[in-house]
Amino acid sequence: MNRRKSREVAMTLLYESTINKEKYEDIFQNFSENTDIDMKDLDIEFIKKTLFTIEENLELIDKKIEDNLINWKINRLSKIDLSILRLCTYEIMFDEEIPDIVSVNEAVELSKKYSDPKSSNFINGVLDKIIKK
């Protein structure tokens, strides 16, 4: 199983959920039925646990993100940046198996791949503030 690929899938499903306003179960079901990705390469339990915990704690996670934004409001963030921040903030707050620095590094790499070139510095700064508090 590939944790990096699983994290990337979780982020894309979070993004889809943010756009479509659907529950994680529906988003995951649709993904598993229609993906070209070999499911054996993914940590399905990690993805499901991540999506479930974020959905159940979304207000708390979003509050933590918003409290660490400078001159920004959470509703002004791009949906992809918000999805990356939610994923990493979840890992920092709820997943003790993943070191914070690994979560931040993975978030920066996701932002380099999926977002605006300047977003990686922004995401790194927000997550650094979250860790330090």
N, C-alpha and C. Protein backbone atom coordinates (compact mmCIF):
# COMPACT_ATOMS: atom_id res chain seq x y z
N MET A 1 0.84 -1.19 0.00
CA MET A 1 0.00 0.00 0.00
C MET A 1 0.88 1.25 0.00
N ASN A 2 0.43 2.22 -0.69
CA ASN A 2 1.18 3.45 -0.85
C ASN A 2 0.49 4.57 -0.07
N ARG A 3 1.10 4.99 1.03
CA ARG A 3 0.48 6.01 1.88
C ARG A 3 0.40 7.36 1.16
N ARG A 4 1.43 7.71 0.40
CA ARG A 4 1.42 8.99 -0.32
C ARG A 4 0.26 9.02 -1.32
N LYS A 5 0.09 7.93 -2.06
CA LYS A 5 -1.01 7.85 -3.04
C LYS A 5 -2.36 7.86 -2.31
N SER A 6 -2.43 7.18 -1.19
CA SER A 6 -3.67 7.15 -0.41
C SER A 6 -4.02 8.55 0.10
N ARG A 7 -3.01 9.29 0.54
CA ARG A 7 -3.23 10.66 1.01
C ARG A 7 -3.72 11.54 -0.15
N GLU A 8 -3.13 11.35 -1.31
CA GLU A 8 -3.52 12.11 -2.50
C GLU A 8 -4.97 11.81 -2.88
N VAL A 9 -5.35 10.55 -2.82
CA VAL A 9 -6.74 10.17 -3.11
C VAL A 9 -7.67 10.79 -2.07
N ALA A 10 -7.30 10.73 -0.80
CA ALA A 10 -8.12 11.33 0.25
C ALA A 10 -8.31 12.82 -0.01
N MET A 11 -7.24 13.50 -0.41
CA MET A 11 -7.34 14.94 -0.69
C MET A 11 -8.28 15.20 -1.87
N THR A 12 -8.16 14.41 -2.93
CA THR A 12 -9.03 14.65 -4.09
C THR A 12 -10.49 14.35 -3.75
N LEU A 13 -10.73 13.37 -2.89
CA LEU A 13 -12.10 13.08 -2.47
C LEU A 13 -12.64 14.18 -1.55
N LEU A 14 -11.77 14.75 -0.71
CA LEU A 14 -12.17 15.90 0.10
C LEU A 14 -12.55 17.08 -0.80
N TYR A 15 -11.75 17.30 -1.81
CA TYR A 15 -12.02 18.36 -2.77
C TYR A 15 -13.38 18.13 -3.44
N GLU A 16 -13.60 16.91 -3.89
CA GLU A 16 -14.88 16.58 -4.53
C GLU A 16 -16.04 16.78 -3.57
N SER A 17 -15.86 16.39 -2.34
CA SER A 17 -16.90 16.56 -1.32
C SER A 17 -17.18 18.04 -1.07
N THR A 18 -16.15 18.86 -1.07
CA THR A 18 -16.30 20.30 -0.88
C THR A 18 -17.07 20.92 -2.03
N ILE A 19 -16.78 20.49 -3.23
CA ILE A 19 -17.44 21.02 -4.42
C ILE A 19 -18.89 20.54 -4.51
N ASN A 20 -19.09 19.23 -4.32
CA ASN A 20 -20.42 18.63 -4.54
C ASN A 20 -21.31 18.62 -3.30
N LYS A 21 -20.74 18.95 -2.14
CA LYS A 21 -21.51 18.95 -0.88
C LYS A 21 -22.15 17.59 -0.60
N GLU A 22 -21.38 16.53 -0.87
CA GLU A 22 -21.86 15.17 -0.63
C GLU A 22 -21.15 14.57 0.58
N LYS A 23 -21.77 13.55 1.15
CA LYS A 23 -21.18 12.83 2.28
C LYS A 23 -20.00 11.99 1.79
N TYR A 24 -19.08 11.73 2.72
CA TYR A 24 -17.88 10.99 2.34
C TYR A 24 -18.20 9.58 1.83
N GLU A 25 -19.22 8.93 2.39
CA GLU A 25 -19.56 7.58 1.95
C GLU A 25 -19.94 7.57 0.47
N ASP A 26 -20.73 8.56 0.06
CA ASP A 26 -21.15 8.63 -1.34
C ASP A 26 -19.98 8.93 -2.26
N ILE A 27 -19.14 9.86 -1.84
CA ILE A 27 -17.96 10.22 -2.64
C ILE A 27 -17.04 9.01 -2.78
N PHE A 28 -16.80 8.30 -1.67
CA PHE A 28 -15.91 7.14 -1.73
C PHE A 28 -16.52 6.03 -2.57
N GLN A 29 -17.79 5.79 -2.42
CA GLN A 29 -18.46 4.75 -3.20
C GLN A 29 -18.33 5.03 -4.70
N ASN A 30 -18.61 6.27 -5.08
CA ASN A 30 -18.49 6.66 -6.48
C ASN A 30 -17.05 6.48 -6.98
N PHE A 31 -16.10 6.89 -6.16
CA PHE A 31 -14.69 6.74 -6.52
C PHE A 31 -14.34 5.27 -6.73
N SER A 32 -14.71 4.42 -5.77
CA SER A 32 -14.31 3.00 -5.84
C SER A 32 -14.95 2.29 -7.03
N GLU A 33 -16.11 2.75 -7.45
CA GLU A 33 -16.78 2.13 -8.60
C GLU A 33 -16.27 2.65 -9.94
N ASN A 34 -15.66 3.83 -9.95
CA ASN A 34 -15.31 4.46 -11.22
C ASN A 34 -13.83 4.79 -11.41
N THR A 35 -12.97 4.38 -10.50
CA THR A 35 -11.56 4.76 -10.61
C THR A 35 -10.77 3.82 -11.51
N ASP A 36 -9.73 4.38 -12.07
CA ASP A 36 -8.77 3.57 -12.83
C ASP A 36 -7.58 3.18 -11.95
N ILE A 37 -7.54 3.71 -10.75
CA ILE A 37 -6.45 3.42 -9.82
C ILE A 37 -6.63 2.01 -9.26
N ASP A 38 -5.55 1.27 -9.18
CA ASP A 38 -5.60 -0.07 -8.60
C ASP A 38 -5.81 0.07 -7.09
N MET A 39 -6.95 -0.38 -6.64
CA MET A 39 -7.33 -0.22 -5.22
C MET A 39 -6.36 -0.98 -4.30
N LYS A 40 -5.67 -1.99 -4.81
CA LYS A 40 -4.70 -2.73 -3.99
C LYS A 40 -3.50 -1.87 -3.61
N ASP A 41 -3.28 -0.79 -4.37
CA ASP A 41 -2.17 0.12 -4.08
C ASP A 41 -2.52 1.13 -3.00
N LEU A 42 -3.78 1.17 -2.59
CA LEU A 42 -4.25 2.18 -1.64
C LEU A 42 -4.50 1.60 -0.27
N ASP A 43 -4.35 2.42 0.73
CA ASP A 43 -4.71 2.07 2.11
C ASP A 43 -6.15 2.55 2.31
N ILE A 44 -7.08 1.68 1.99
CA ILE A 44 -8.51 2.03 1.99
C ILE A 44 -8.96 2.46 3.39
N GLU A 45 -8.49 1.75 4.40
CA GLU A 45 -8.89 2.10 5.77
C GLU A 45 -8.41 3.50 6.14
N PHE A 46 -7.19 3.84 5.75
CA PHE A 46 -6.65 5.18 6.00
C PHE A 46 -7.54 6.23 5.33
N ILE A 47 -7.91 6.00 4.08
CA ILE A 47 -8.73 6.96 3.34
C ILE A 47 -10.09 7.11 4.00
N LYS A 48 -10.74 6.01 4.32
CA LYS A 48 -12.07 6.07 4.94
C LYS A 48 -12.02 6.75 6.31
N LYS A 49 -11.03 6.37 7.12
CA LYS A 49 -10.88 6.96 8.46
C LYS A 49 -10.64 8.46 8.35
N THR A 50 -9.79 8.85 7.41
CA THR A 50 -9.48 10.26 7.20
C THR A 50 -10.73 11.04 6.81
N LEU A 51 -11.44 10.55 5.81
CA LEU A 51 -12.65 11.24 5.34
C LEU A 51 -13.72 11.31 6.42
N PHE A 52 -13.92 10.20 7.13
CA PHE A 52 -14.93 10.16 8.20
C PHE A 52 -14.59 11.15 9.31
N THR A 53 -13.34 11.13 9.76
CA THR A 53 -12.96 11.99 10.88
C THR A 53 -13.03 13.46 10.49
N ILE A 54 -12.62 13.78 9.28
CA ILE A 54 -12.72 15.17 8.83
C ILE A 54 -14.17 15.60 8.76
N GLU A 55 -15.03 14.75 8.20
CA GLU A 55 -16.45 15.10 8.10
C GLU A 55 -17.06 15.29 9.49
N GLU A 56 -16.72 14.42 10.42
CA GLU A 56 -17.28 14.49 11.77
C GLU A 56 -16.75 15.68 12.57
N ASN A 57 -15.58 16.18 12.22
CA ASN A 57 -14.93 17.26 12.98
C ASN A 57 -14.66 18.49 12.12
N LEU A 58 -15.45 18.67 11.09
CA LEU A 58 -15.19 19.72 10.11
C LEU A 58 -15.19 21.12 10.74
N GLU A 59 -16.14 21.40 11.61
CA GLU A 59 -16.19 22.73 12.24
C GLU A 59 -14.93 23.00 13.06
N LEU A 60 -14.50 22.02 13.82
CA LEU A 60 -13.30 22.15 14.66
C LEU A 60 -12.05 22.34 13.78
N ILE A 61 -11.93 21.54 12.73
CA ILE A 61 -10.79 21.63 11.82
C ILE A 61 -10.79 22.99 11.12
N ASP A 62 -11.94 23.40 10.61
CA ASP A 62 -12.02 24.70 9.92
C ASP A 62 -11.73 25.86 10.87
N LYS A 63 -12.15 25.75 12.11
CA LYS A 63 -11.86 26.79 13.09
C LYS A 63 -10.36 26.89 13.34
N LYS A 64 -9.71 25.74 13.45
CA LYS A 64 -8.26 25.71 13.66
C LYS A 64 -7.55 26.36 12.47
N ILE A 65 -8.01 26.07 11.26
CA ILE A 65 -7.41 26.68 10.07
C ILE A 65 -7.65 28.19 10.09
N GLU A 66 -8.90 28.60 10.30
CA GLU A 66 -9.24 30.02 10.25
C GLU A 66 -8.49 30.81 11.32
N ASP A 67 -8.32 30.22 12.48
CA ASP A 67 -7.59 30.90 13.56
C ASP A 67 -6.12 31.16 13.21
N ASN A 68 -5.62 30.46 12.21
CA ASN A 68 -4.22 30.60 11.85
C ASN A 68 -4.01 31.24 10.48
N LEU A 69 -5.06 31.82 9.94
CA LEU A 69 -4.95 32.59 8.70
C LEU A 69 -4.68 34.04 9.05
N ILE A 70 -3.82 34.67 8.29
CA ILE A 70 -3.54 36.09 8.49
C ILE A 70 -4.09 36.83 7.28
N ASN A 71 -4.98 37.77 7.55
CA ASN A 71 -5.59 38.59 6.49
C ASN A 71 -6.34 37.76 5.45
N TRP A 72 -6.85 36.60 5.86
CA TRP A 72 -7.63 35.75 4.98
C TRP A 72 -8.83 35.22 5.75
N LYS A 73 -9.86 34.91 5.04
CA LYS A 73 -11.01 34.20 5.59
C LYS A 73 -11.07 32.85 4.91
N ILE A 74 -11.53 31.86 5.62
CA ILE A 74 -11.53 30.50 5.09
C ILE A 74 -12.37 30.39 3.81
N ASN A 75 -13.43 31.18 3.71
CA ASN A 75 -14.28 31.10 2.52
C ASN A 75 -13.64 31.74 1.29
N ARG A 76 -12.52 32.42 1.45
CA ARG A 76 -11.79 33.00 0.32
C ARG A 76 -10.72 32.05 -0.22
N LEU A 77 -10.40 31.00 0.51
CA LEU A 77 -9.39 30.05 0.06
C LEU A 77 -9.90 29.26 -1.14
N SER A 78 -8.99 28.88 -2.03
CA SER A 78 -9.40 28.00 -3.12
C SER A 78 -9.82 26.66 -2.52
N LYS A 79 -10.72 25.99 -3.17
CA LYS A 79 -11.23 24.71 -2.66
C LYS A 79 -10.12 23.67 -2.57
N ILE A 80 -9.17 23.71 -3.47
CA ILE A 80 -8.07 22.74 -3.43
C ILE A 80 -7.15 23.04 -2.24
N ASP A 81 -6.84 24.32 -2.00
CA ASP A 81 -6.01 24.68 -0.84
C ASP A 81 -6.74 24.32 0.46
N LEU A 82 -8.03 24.59 0.49
CA LEU A 82 -8.81 24.25 1.68
C LEU A 82 -8.80 22.74 1.93
N SER A 83 -8.92 21.96 0.88
CA SER A 83 -8.90 20.50 1.02
C SER A 83 -7.55 20.02 1.55
N ILE A 84 -6.48 20.59 1.04
CA ILE A 84 -5.13 20.22 1.51
C ILE A 84 -4.96 20.62 2.97
N LEU A 85 -5.39 21.82 3.32
CA LEU A 85 -5.28 22.28 4.71
C LEU A 85 -6.13 21.42 5.64
N ARG A 86 -7.33 21.06 5.21
CA ARG A 86 -8.18 20.20 6.05
C ARG A 86 -7.52 18.84 6.29
N LEU A 87 -6.97 18.27 5.25
CA LEU A 87 -6.32 16.97 5.37
C LEU A 87 -5.15 17.03 6.34
N CYS A 88 -4.28 17.98 6.18
CA CYS A 88 -3.11 18.07 7.03
C CYS A 88 -3.48 18.48 8.46
N THR A 89 -4.43 19.38 8.61
CA THR A 89 -4.86 19.78 9.95
C THR A 89 -5.48 18.58 10.67
N TYR A 90 -6.23 17.77 9.95
CA TYR A 90 -6.76 16.53 10.54
C TYR A 90 -5.60 15.66 11.04
N GLU A 91 -4.58 15.49 10.20
CA GLU A 91 -3.46 14.64 10.60
C GLU A 91 -2.76 15.18 11.83
N ILE A 92 -2.58 16.49 11.89
CA ILE A 92 -1.92 17.11 13.04
C ILE A 92 -2.76 16.95 14.31
N MET A 93 -4.07 17.12 14.18
CA MET A 93 -4.94 17.11 15.34
C MET A 93 -5.35 15.70 15.79
N PHE A 94 -5.51 14.77 14.85
CA PHE A 94 -6.16 13.50 15.17
C PHE A 94 -5.34 12.24 14.89
N ASP A 95 -4.30 12.32 14.09
CA ASP A 95 -3.56 11.10 13.72
C ASP A 95 -2.15 11.16 14.30
N GLU A 96 -1.99 10.55 15.45
CA GLU A 96 -0.72 10.61 16.16
C GLU A 96 0.35 9.72 15.54
N GLU A 97 -0.04 8.83 14.61
CA GLU A 97 0.93 7.96 13.95
C GLU A 97 1.78 8.73 12.94
N ILE A 98 1.25 9.85 12.45
CA ILE A 98 1.96 10.61 11.42
C ILE A 98 2.63 11.81 12.07
N PRO A 99 3.95 11.89 11.98
CA PRO A 99 4.64 13.06 12.54
C PRO A 99 4.18 14.34 11.83
N ASP A 100 4.07 15.42 12.59
CA ASP A 100 3.59 16.69 12.03
C ASP A 100 4.40 17.12 10.81
N ILE A 101 5.70 16.98 10.89
CA ILE A 101 6.57 17.42 9.79
C ILE A 101 6.29 16.63 8.51
N VAL A 102 5.94 15.36 8.65
CA VAL A 102 5.58 14.55 7.48
C VAL A 102 4.28 15.07 6.87
N SER A 103 3.31 15.37 7.72
CA SER A 103 2.04 15.91 7.23
C SER A 103 2.24 17.22 6.48
N VAL A 104 3.04 18.09 7.04
CA VAL A 104 3.28 19.38 6.40
C VAL A 104 4.01 19.18 5.07
N ASN A 105 5.01 18.33 5.06
CA ASN A 105 5.75 18.08 3.83
C ASN A 105 4.81 17.52 2.74
N GLU A 106 3.97 16.59 3.12
CA GLU A 106 3.03 16.01 2.16
C GLU A 106 2.04 17.07 1.66
N ALA A 107 1.59 17.94 2.54
CA ALA A 107 0.67 19.02 2.14
C ALA A 107 1.35 19.95 1.15
N VAL A 108 2.59 20.29 1.40
CA VAL A 108 3.34 21.17 0.49
C VAL A 108 3.49 20.49 -0.87
N GLU A 109 3.80 19.21 -0.88
CA GLU A 109 3.94 18.48 -2.15
C GLU A 109 2.61 18.42 -2.90
N LEU A 110 1.52 18.19 -2.18
CA LEU A 110 0.20 18.19 -2.82
C LEU A 110 -0.12 19.55 -3.43
N SER A 111 0.23 20.61 -2.70
CA SER A 111 -0.06 21.95 -3.22
C SER A 111 0.78 22.25 -4.46
N LYS A 112 2.02 21.78 -4.49
CA LYS A 112 2.86 21.98 -5.67
C LYS A 112 2.28 21.25 -6.88
N LYS A 113 1.66 20.11 -6.64
CA LYS A 113 1.11 19.31 -7.73
C LYS A 113 -0.26 19.81 -8.20
N TYR A 114 -1.11 20.26 -7.27
CA TYR A 114 -2.50 20.55 -7.60
C TYR A 114 -2.90 22.02 -7.56
N SER A 115 -2.10 22.87 -6.95
CA SER A 115 -2.53 24.24 -6.72
C SER A 115 -1.63 25.24 -7.42
N ASP A 116 -1.88 26.49 -7.12
CA ASP A 116 -1.09 27.61 -7.63
C ASP A 116 0.34 27.50 -7.11
N PRO A 117 1.32 27.90 -7.90
CA PRO A 117 2.73 27.80 -7.45
C PRO A 117 3.01 28.50 -6.12
N LYS A 118 2.30 29.57 -5.82
CA LYS A 118 2.54 30.31 -4.58
C LYS A 118 1.85 29.66 -3.37
N SER A 119 0.95 28.74 -3.62
CA SER A 119 0.18 28.14 -2.53
C SER A 119 1.03 27.32 -1.57
N SER A 120 2.09 26.71 -2.06
CA SER A 120 2.88 25.86 -1.16
C SER A 120 3.47 26.65 0.00
N ASN A 121 3.93 27.87 -0.26
CA ASN A 121 4.45 28.71 0.83
C ASN A 121 3.34 29.11 1.79
N PHE A 122 2.19 29.45 1.25
CA PHE A 122 1.03 29.83 2.08
C PHE A 122 0.61 28.67 2.97
N ILE A 123 0.45 27.50 2.38
CA ILE A 123 0.03 26.31 3.13
C ILE A 123 1.07 25.96 4.19
N ASN A 124 2.32 26.01 3.83
CA ASN A 124 3.38 25.73 4.79
C ASN A 124 3.31 26.70 5.98
N GLY A 125 3.08 27.97 5.70
CA GLY A 125 3.00 28.97 6.77
C GLY A 125 1.82 28.74 7.71
N VAL A 126 0.66 28.45 7.15
CA VAL A 126 -0.53 28.20 7.97
C VAL A 126 -0.31 26.96 8.83
N LEU A 127 0.18 25.90 8.25
CA LEU A 127 0.39 24.66 9.00
C LEU A 127 1.47 24.81 10.06
N ASP A 128 2.50 25.59 9.76
CA ASP A 128 3.54 25.85 10.75
C ASP A 128 2.95 26.55 11.96
N LYS A 129 2.07 27.53 11.73
CA LYS A 129 1.41 28.23 12.84
C LYS A 129 0.54 27.26 13.65
N ILE A 130 -0.16 26.36 12.97
CA ILE A 130 -1.01 25.39 13.67
C ILE A 130 -0.16 24.51 14.58
N ILE A 131 0.95 24.05 14.08
CA ILE A 131 1.82 23.17 14.87
C ILE A 131 2.40 23.91 16.08
N LYS A 132 2.78 25.14 15.89
CA LYS A 132 3.41 25.90 16.98
C LYS A 132 2.45 26.29 18.08
N LYS A 133 1.14 26.33 17.78
CA LYS A 133 0.18 26.70 18.82
C LYS A 133 -0.12 25.50 19.64
